[in-house]
Amino acid sequence: MNTEFDYLIVGAGLFGAVFAHEAALKGKKVKVIEKRNHIAGNIYTKEVEGIQVHEYGAHIFHTSDKEIWDYVNQFAEFNRYTNSPVANYKGEIYNLPFNMNTFNKLWGVVTPAEAQAKIEEQRSVLNGKIPENLEEQAISLVGTDIYEKLIKSYTEKQWERPCTELPAFIIRRLPVRLTYDNNYFNDTYQGIPIGGYTQIVEKMLAHENIEVETGVDFFANKKDYLASYPKIVFTGMIDEFFDYELGELEYRSLRFDTETLEMENYQGNAVVNYTDSETPYTRIIEHKHFEFGTQAKTIITREHSQTWKKGDEPYYPVNNDRNNHLYKAYKDLAEKQANVIFGGRLGHYRYYDMHQVIAAALQTVRRELG
């Protein structure tokens, strides 16, 4: 048994880093191993041409929890970035979230009452039916026009399934506003760390009680790790930990095509969603706009959604009934592992935003160390 460390943390993403930081502050010795050649997991940002590039997709920090906001502000200064994506449907531009600007562009309505009446008229196609799938849920929220132009093809590209086969809950939190407000999130606090996200994890892990190794595959020496460390915090895929013995959980993966352009401004916004079926990618990220950049060049990333297969990076759990039932069976197995704590998006098989990851990690630390 390795007596040098109290914990081995598998994964140097946000969950693992928060746990490591808090455990170190409480005097615990922590070893962190990470399969990639860098820390910070999917929130990793890399400076290119003076621009912080979000290597694994756009990350915008938002929360209404003051404790979490104060916590993350220990590690970085945040700017006042407001997430206001736009949708491009065959060259037509619409504001997201769906708000009075969207409704005016689409229908020519000016007042909230007119917009509400139009939505009511279009949702009547459901005849009062309780939505049973994503298509019906979307129509019940915003009517048929917005569903057809701004939701249907985008969502089907995201999930590679017809909206009629996707569960309704995926879209239940869809923001719909009868105001002229382009802020996508309702949260009290929102912003992007000035200088990128990687620094946050660097500072979390910069403690004399923490040792970090990158480029290390836990599964290459799984038995030795389990035998050698008193406690393990595992933030990878829960089904992989158990060698998929109950079957594979489903995930969605992403492919990013990034290029540097010899121009100051490519699309005028950080995030533009492409909501038609002909465009093969779901969105384009222009990274400099997250920090109001004025560089002579710009960097864009086209984001493609794809089916996950072994060897790919898993980004999103597919939380349908089949997978949730299978995850519960894996969770039962996990609870029998006396010296292993499972955490994070992959360990909990749950779609977490960053503030939720931090909250879950802090809750785990409190449960574990008081």
Protein backbone atom coordinates (compact mmCIF):
# COMPACT_ATOMS: atom_id res chain seq x y z
CA MET A 1 0.00 0.00 0.00
CA ASN A 2 1.32 3.42 -1.01
CA THR A 3 1.60 5.40 2.22
CA GLU A 4 2.97 8.53 0.54
CA PHE A 5 -0.45 9.64 -0.73
CA ASP A 6 -3.91 9.65 0.80
CA TYR A 7 -5.70 9.94 -2.56
CA LEU A 8 -5.11 9.09 -6.18
CA ILE A 9 -7.25 11.29 -8.41
CA VAL A 10 -7.86 9.99 -11.92
CA GLY A 11 -8.49 12.96 -14.20
CA ALA A 12 -7.22 16.55 -13.92
CA GLY A 13 -10.47 18.16 -15.00
CA LEU A 14 -12.59 20.47 -12.88
CA PHE A 15 -14.04 17.83 -10.52
CA GLY A 16 -10.67 16.21 -9.85
CA ALA A 17 -8.92 19.56 -9.44
CA VAL A 18 -11.48 20.90 -6.92
CA PHE A 19 -11.29 17.70 -4.89
CA ALA A 20 -7.48 17.71 -4.98
CA HIS A 21 -7.32 21.37 -3.95
CA GLU A 22 -9.71 21.00 -1.04
CA ALA A 23 -8.13 17.76 0.17
CA ALA A 24 -4.66 19.35 0.05
CA LEU A 25 -5.90 22.31 2.10
CA LYS A 26 -7.02 19.79 4.72
CA GLY A 27 -3.53 18.33 4.88
CA LYS A 28 -4.07 15.30 2.62
CA LYS A 29 -1.38 14.19 0.18
CA VAL A 30 -2.79 13.83 -3.32
CA LYS A 31 -1.51 12.31 -6.57
CA VAL A 32 -3.32 13.39 -9.75
CA ILE A 33 -2.93 11.47 -12.99
CA GLU A 34 -4.31 12.61 -16.33
CA LYS A 35 -4.51 10.66 -19.61
CA ARG A 36 -4.16 13.75 -21.80
CA ASN A 37 -0.90 15.67 -22.09
CA HIS A 38 -2.41 18.67 -20.28
CA ILE A 39 -4.49 19.45 -17.21
CA ALA A 40 -7.93 21.14 -17.06
CA GLY A 41 -9.94 18.51 -18.94
CA ASN A 42 -12.54 19.90 -21.32
CA ILE A 43 -12.23 23.45 -19.98
CA TYR A 44 -8.63 23.57 -21.24
CA THR A 45 -7.80 26.78 -23.10
CA LYS A 46 -4.64 27.36 -25.10
CA GLU A 47 -3.23 30.72 -26.18
CA VAL A 48 -2.73 31.02 -29.94
CA GLU A 49 -1.99 34.37 -31.65
CA GLY A 50 -2.80 36.05 -28.33
CA ILE A 51 -6.27 34.46 -28.31
CA GLN A 52 -7.49 31.99 -25.70
CA VAL A 53 -8.79 29.05 -27.75
CA HIS A 54 -11.42 26.83 -26.10
CA GLU A 55 -9.94 23.55 -27.34
CA TYR A 56 -12.92 21.38 -26.40
CA GLY A 57 -15.83 23.65 -27.22
CA ALA A 58 -17.19 26.90 -25.85
CA HIS A 59 -17.28 27.22 -22.06
CA ILE A 60 -19.16 30.12 -20.48
CA PHE A 61 -19.26 30.22 -16.70
CA HIS A 62 -22.67 31.03 -15.25
CA THR A 63 -24.32 30.46 -11.89
CA SER A 64 -26.78 31.98 -9.46
CA ASP A 65 -24.97 30.41 -6.51
CA LYS A 66 -22.86 33.12 -4.86
CA GLU A 67 -20.78 30.53 -2.99
CA ILE A 68 -19.74 28.89 -6.28
CA TRP A 69 -19.12 32.27 -7.97
CA ASP A 70 -16.94 33.45 -5.08
CA TYR A 71 -15.15 30.10 -5.06
CA VAL A 72 -14.12 30.18 -8.73
CA ASN A 73 -13.17 33.87 -8.51
CA GLN A 74 -10.35 32.88 -6.13
CA PHE A 75 -8.53 31.48 -9.12
CA ALA A 76 -9.18 33.99 -11.91
CA GLU A 77 -10.61 37.41 -12.66
CA PHE A 78 -13.74 37.15 -14.81
CA ASN A 79 -14.83 39.56 -17.50
CA ARG A 80 -18.41 40.66 -18.17
CA TYR A 81 -19.01 38.39 -21.17
CA THR A 82 -22.72 37.72 -21.77
CA ASN A 83 -23.69 34.66 -23.77
CA SER A 84 -25.82 35.89 -26.69
CA PRO A 85 -25.56 33.29 -29.47
CA VAL A 86 -27.23 33.77 -32.83
CA ALA A 87 -28.75 31.23 -35.18
CA ASN A 88 -28.00 31.12 -38.90
CA TYR A 89 -30.75 29.42 -40.88
CA LYS A 90 -29.79 29.41 -44.57
CA GLY A 91 -28.41 32.93 -44.22
CA GLU A 92 -31.26 34.26 -42.08
CA ILE A 93 -30.01 35.45 -38.66
CA TYR A 94 -32.06 35.04 -35.49
CA ASN A 95 -31.35 35.85 -31.87
CA LEU A 96 -31.03 33.10 -29.27
CA PRO A 97 -32.51 32.56 -26.77
CA PHE A 98 -35.91 32.85 -28.44
CA ASN A 99 -37.07 36.33 -27.50
CA MET A 100 -38.93 39.32 -28.89
CA ASN A 101 -36.10 40.00 -31.37
CA THR A 102 -36.53 36.44 -32.71
CA PHE A 103 -40.31 36.71 -32.86
CA ASN A 104 -40.17 40.13 -34.59
CA LYS A 105 -37.75 38.85 -37.25
CA LEU A 106 -39.81 35.72 -37.85
CA TRP A 107 -43.39 37.00 -37.64
CA GLY A 108 -43.18 40.81 -37.63
CA VAL A 109 -44.84 40.95 -34.20
CA VAL A 110 -43.88 43.85 -31.91
CA THR A 111 -45.57 43.27 -28.57
CA PRO A 112 -45.33 40.33 -26.16
CA ALA A 113 -49.10 39.80 -26.50
CA GLU A 114 -48.76 39.41 -30.27
CA ALA A 115 -45.88 36.96 -29.88
CA GLN A 116 -47.77 34.94 -27.28
CA ALA A 117 -50.84 34.80 -29.51
CA LYS A 118 -48.74 33.50 -32.43
CA ILE A 119 -47.17 30.78 -30.26
CA GLU A 120 -50.59 29.79 -28.89
CA GLU A 121 -51.99 29.58 -32.42
CA GLN A 122 -49.14 27.31 -33.57
CA ARG A 123 -49.02 25.07 -30.51
CA SER A 124 -52.71 24.29 -31.05
CA VAL A 125 -51.59 21.59 -33.53
CA LEU A 126 -50.93 19.44 -30.43
CA ASN A 127 -54.62 19.64 -29.43
CA GLY A 128 -53.65 19.85 -25.75
CA LYS A 129 -51.61 16.65 -25.89
CA ILE A 130 -48.94 16.23 -23.20
CA PRO A 131 -45.60 16.23 -25.10
CA GLU A 132 -44.09 12.76 -25.37
CA ASN A 133 -40.96 13.57 -27.38
CA LEU A 134 -38.65 16.47 -28.16
CA GLU A 135 -40.58 17.59 -31.23
CA GLU A 136 -43.85 17.88 -29.34
CA GLN A 137 -42.13 19.54 -26.39
CA ALA A 138 -40.53 22.15 -28.64
CA ILE A 139 -43.79 22.92 -30.44
CA SER A 140 -45.56 23.28 -27.08
CA LEU A 141 -42.96 25.89 -26.06
CA VAL A 142 -42.43 27.95 -29.22
CA GLY A 143 -44.76 26.77 -31.96
CA THR A 144 -44.11 25.14 -35.33
CA ASP A 145 -42.19 27.89 -37.19
CA ILE A 146 -39.38 28.22 -34.66
CA TYR A 147 -39.25 24.46 -34.22
CA GLU A 148 -38.83 23.89 -37.96
CA LYS A 149 -36.27 26.67 -38.55
CA LEU A 150 -34.24 26.87 -35.37
CA ILE A 151 -34.60 23.61 -33.44
CA LYS A 152 -35.34 20.55 -35.58
CA SER A 153 -32.27 20.18 -37.82
CA TYR A 154 -29.83 21.57 -35.26
CA THR A 155 -31.00 19.06 -32.66
CA GLU A 156 -30.99 16.16 -35.10
CA LYS A 157 -27.40 17.01 -36.08
CA GLN A 158 -26.50 17.12 -32.38
CA TRP A 159 -27.98 13.73 -31.54
CA GLU A 160 -28.12 11.96 -34.95
CA ARG A 161 -31.70 10.94 -34.24
CA PRO A 162 -35.09 12.28 -35.31
CA CYS A 163 -36.60 14.69 -32.81
CA THR A 164 -39.59 12.36 -32.57
CA GLU A 165 -37.26 9.73 -31.07
CA LEU A 166 -35.60 12.06 -28.55
CA PRO A 167 -36.98 12.49 -25.01
CA ALA A 168 -38.92 15.66 -24.22
CA PHE A 169 -36.78 16.57 -21.18
CA ILE A 170 -33.79 17.51 -23.35
CA ILE A 171 -35.51 20.74 -24.33
CA ARG A 172 -37.64 21.51 -21.26
CA ARG A 173 -35.19 24.18 -20.08
CA LEU A 174 -35.25 25.96 -23.45
CA PRO A 175 -35.21 29.71 -22.71
CA VAL A 176 -38.23 31.51 -24.20
CA ARG A 177 -38.53 35.20 -23.39
CA LEU A 178 -41.24 37.72 -24.12
CA THR A 179 -38.65 40.50 -23.71
CA TYR A 180 -35.98 42.01 -25.96
CA ASP A 181 -33.20 40.31 -23.97
CA ASN A 182 -30.47 38.40 -25.81
CA ASN A 183 -28.77 37.03 -22.67
CA TYR A 184 -29.02 33.25 -22.98
CA PHE A 185 -28.66 32.55 -19.27
CA ASN A 186 -30.91 33.72 -16.45
CA ASP A 187 -28.14 33.36 -13.88
CA THR A 188 -27.03 36.18 -11.59
CA TYR A 189 -23.33 35.72 -12.38
CA GLN A 190 -21.74 35.14 -15.77
CA GLY A 191 -18.39 35.65 -17.43
CA ILE A 192 -15.20 34.26 -18.95
CA PRO A 193 -11.92 34.15 -17.01
CA ILE A 194 -9.54 36.77 -18.37
CA GLY A 195 -6.62 34.78 -19.71
CA GLY A 196 -8.55 31.53 -20.11
CA TYR A 197 -9.65 28.58 -18.00
CA THR A 198 -6.43 26.57 -17.75
CA GLN A 199 -5.03 28.95 -15.12
CA ILE A 200 -7.92 28.06 -12.79
CA VAL A 201 -6.95 24.40 -12.67
CA GLU A 202 -3.24 25.27 -12.54
CA LYS A 203 -3.85 27.33 -9.39
CA MET A 204 -6.07 24.65 -7.85
CA LEU A 205 -3.32 22.09 -8.29
CA ALA A 206 -0.42 24.37 -7.26
CA HIS A 207 -0.05 23.04 -3.71
CA GLU A 208 2.86 21.30 -2.03
CA ASN A 209 0.56 18.38 -1.12
CA ILE A 210 -0.38 17.75 -4.76
CA GLU A 211 1.67 15.90 -7.35
CA VAL A 212 0.46 15.87 -10.97
CA GLU A 213 1.40 13.58 -13.85
CA THR A 214 -0.02 13.96 -17.37
CA GLY A 215 0.08 11.43 -20.18
CA VAL A 216 -0.74 8.61 -17.76
CA ASP A 217 -3.41 6.00 -18.56
CA PHE A 218 -5.08 4.69 -15.41
CA PHE A 219 -6.27 1.57 -17.22
CA ALA A 220 -2.74 0.55 -18.17
CA ASN A 221 -2.09 -0.17 -14.47
CA LYS A 222 -5.57 -0.29 -12.96
CA LYS A 223 -4.95 -3.27 -10.66
CA ASP A 224 -1.76 -1.75 -9.28
CA TYR A 225 -3.44 1.60 -8.62
CA LEU A 226 -6.37 -0.05 -6.85
CA ALA A 227 -3.99 -2.08 -4.69
CA SER A 228 -1.55 0.75 -4.02
CA TYR A 229 -3.67 3.75 -3.01
CA PRO A 230 -5.86 3.99 0.10
CA LYS A 231 -8.57 5.94 -1.79
CA ILE A 232 -9.17 6.73 -5.46
CA VAL A 233 -11.28 9.52 -6.94
CA PHE A 234 -12.24 8.39 -10.45
CA THR A 235 -13.61 10.97 -12.91
CA GLY A 236 -13.59 8.87 -16.08
CA MET A 237 -16.35 6.81 -17.65
CA ILE A 238 -18.05 4.66 -15.03
CA ASP A 239 -18.77 1.84 -17.48
CA GLU A 240 -15.13 1.75 -18.60
CA PHE A 241 -14.02 1.44 -14.96
CA PHE A 242 -15.99 -1.80 -14.77
CA ASP A 243 -14.71 -2.99 -18.18
CA TYR A 244 -18.20 -2.49 -19.66
CA GLU A 245 -19.30 -5.67 -17.89
CA LEU A 246 -22.97 -4.65 -17.87
CA GLY A 247 -22.84 -3.15 -21.37
CA GLU A 248 -21.79 0.18 -22.87
CA LEU A 249 -23.41 3.46 -21.90
CA GLU A 250 -24.01 5.83 -24.80
CA TYR A 251 -22.16 9.12 -25.20
CA ARG A 252 -21.98 11.81 -27.83
CA SER A 253 -18.62 12.88 -29.13
CA LEU A 254 -17.47 16.03 -30.93
CA ARG A 255 -15.00 16.84 -33.68
CA PHE A 256 -13.44 20.29 -33.87
CA ASP A 257 -12.02 21.85 -37.03
CA THR A 258 -10.03 24.93 -36.01
CA GLU A 259 -8.32 27.44 -38.28
CA THR A 260 -6.55 30.77 -38.00
CA LEU A 261 -7.81 33.43 -40.41
CA GLU A 262 -5.99 36.52 -41.66
CA MET A 263 -8.81 38.86 -40.70
CA GLU A 264 -9.90 40.72 -37.58
CA ASN A 265 -13.49 39.53 -37.41
CA TYR A 266 -15.08 36.52 -39.09
CA GLN A 267 -18.67 36.34 -37.81
CA GLY A 268 -19.13 39.19 -35.33
CA ASN A 269 -20.15 36.91 -32.44
CA ALA A 270 -18.52 34.24 -30.30
CA VAL A 271 -21.15 31.58 -31.05
CA VAL A 272 -23.21 31.12 -34.22
CA ASN A 273 -25.45 28.03 -34.47
CA TYR A 274 -26.20 26.61 -37.92
CA THR A 275 -29.76 25.34 -37.71
CA ASP A 276 -30.33 24.01 -41.25
CA SER A 277 -29.78 20.37 -42.18
CA GLU A 278 -27.46 21.11 -45.13
CA THR A 279 -24.64 22.62 -43.04
CA PRO A 280 -22.67 19.64 -41.66
CA TYR A 281 -21.51 21.33 -38.45
CA THR A 282 -23.68 22.53 -35.58
CA ARG A 283 -21.94 25.80 -34.80
CA ILE A 284 -18.91 28.02 -35.32
CA ILE A 285 -17.03 29.46 -32.36
CA GLU A 286 -14.96 32.62 -32.87
CA HIS A 287 -12.78 32.53 -29.80
CA LYS A 288 -11.53 36.13 -29.61
CA HIS A 289 -15.04 37.44 -28.93
CA PHE A 290 -15.12 35.68 -25.54
CA GLU A 291 -12.58 38.24 -24.34
CA PHE A 292 -13.49 41.14 -26.64
CA GLY A 293 -10.25 40.62 -28.57
CA THR A 294 -8.78 43.18 -30.94
CA GLN A 295 -6.04 41.00 -32.47
CA ALA A 296 -5.25 41.36 -36.19
CA LYS A 297 -6.09 37.68 -36.76
CA THR A 298 -8.97 35.52 -35.64
CA ILE A 299 -9.43 31.82 -34.83
CA ILE A 300 -12.61 29.91 -35.56
CA THR A 301 -13.71 26.37 -34.73
CA ARG A 302 -16.39 24.42 -36.57
CA GLU A 303 -18.03 21.94 -34.22
CA HIS A 304 -19.31 18.60 -35.52
CA SER A 305 -21.39 16.25 -33.38
CA GLN A 306 -20.77 12.54 -33.83
CA THR A 307 -21.57 9.15 -32.38
CA TRP A 308 -19.12 8.06 -29.71
CA LYS A 309 -17.18 4.86 -30.15
CA LYS A 310 -14.39 3.38 -28.02
CA GLY A 311 -11.27 5.50 -28.32
CA ASP A 312 -13.21 8.75 -28.91
CA GLU A 313 -13.56 11.48 -26.32
CA PRO A 314 -16.97 11.21 -24.62
CA TYR A 315 -18.55 14.66 -24.20
CA TYR A 316 -22.24 14.17 -23.45
CA PRO A 317 -24.10 11.32 -21.77
CA VAL A 318 -27.22 10.20 -23.62
CA ASN A 319 -29.64 10.25 -20.70
CA ASN A 320 -32.54 8.28 -22.15
CA ASP A 321 -34.39 5.57 -20.22
CA ARG A 322 -32.18 2.74 -21.42
CA ASN A 323 -28.94 4.47 -20.45
CA ASN A 324 -30.24 5.81 -17.15
CA HIS A 325 -31.33 2.30 -16.18
CA LEU A 326 -27.90 0.92 -17.12
CA TYR A 327 -26.14 3.72 -15.23
CA LYS A 328 -28.15 2.88 -12.12
CA ALA A 329 -26.85 -0.70 -12.35
CA TYR A 330 -23.27 0.62 -12.65
CA LYS A 331 -23.91 3.00 -9.73
CA ASP A 332 -24.93 -0.01 -7.62
CA LEU A 333 -21.60 -1.64 -8.50
CA ALA A 334 -19.76 1.60 -7.72
CA GLU A 335 -21.24 1.79 -4.25
CA LYS A 336 -19.66 -1.58 -3.46
CA GLN A 337 -16.20 -0.18 -4.24
CA ALA A 338 -15.20 0.82 -0.73
CA ASN A 339 -12.06 2.72 -1.73
CA VAL A 340 -13.27 4.40 -4.96
CA ILE A 341 -15.24 7.66 -5.26
CA PHE A 342 -16.84 8.34 -8.65
CA GLY A 343 -17.35 11.92 -9.78
CA GLY A 344 -17.74 14.40 -12.61
CA ARG A 345 -19.77 14.29 -15.81
CA LEU A 346 -18.52 10.84 -16.80
CA GLY A 347 -18.35 9.29 -13.33
CA HIS A 348 -21.91 10.45 -12.55
CA TYR A 349 -23.14 9.97 -16.14
CA ARG A 350 -24.83 13.34 -16.03
CA TYR A 351 -24.67 16.53 -18.06
CA TYR A 352 -23.00 19.02 -15.73
CA ASP A 353 -22.31 22.69 -16.36
CA MET A 354 -19.08 23.96 -14.80
CA HIS A 355 -20.75 25.44 -11.72
CA GLN A 356 -22.52 22.12 -11.14
CA VAL A 357 -19.24 20.21 -11.37
CA ILE A 358 -17.71 22.49 -8.73
CA ALA A 359 -20.75 22.14 -6.47
CA ALA A 360 -20.71 18.34 -6.83
CA ALA A 361 -16.97 18.21 -6.07
CA LEU A 362 -17.30 20.42 -2.99
CA GLN A 363 -20.21 18.31 -1.76
CA THR A 364 -18.10 15.16 -2.23
CA VAL A 365 -15.20 16.70 -0.32
CA ARG A 366 -17.48 17.68 2.57
CA ARG A 367 -18.98 14.20 2.69
CA GLU A 368 -15.52 12.64 2.58
CA LEU A 369 -13.48 14.98 4.79
CA GLY A 370 -16.02 17.01 6.72
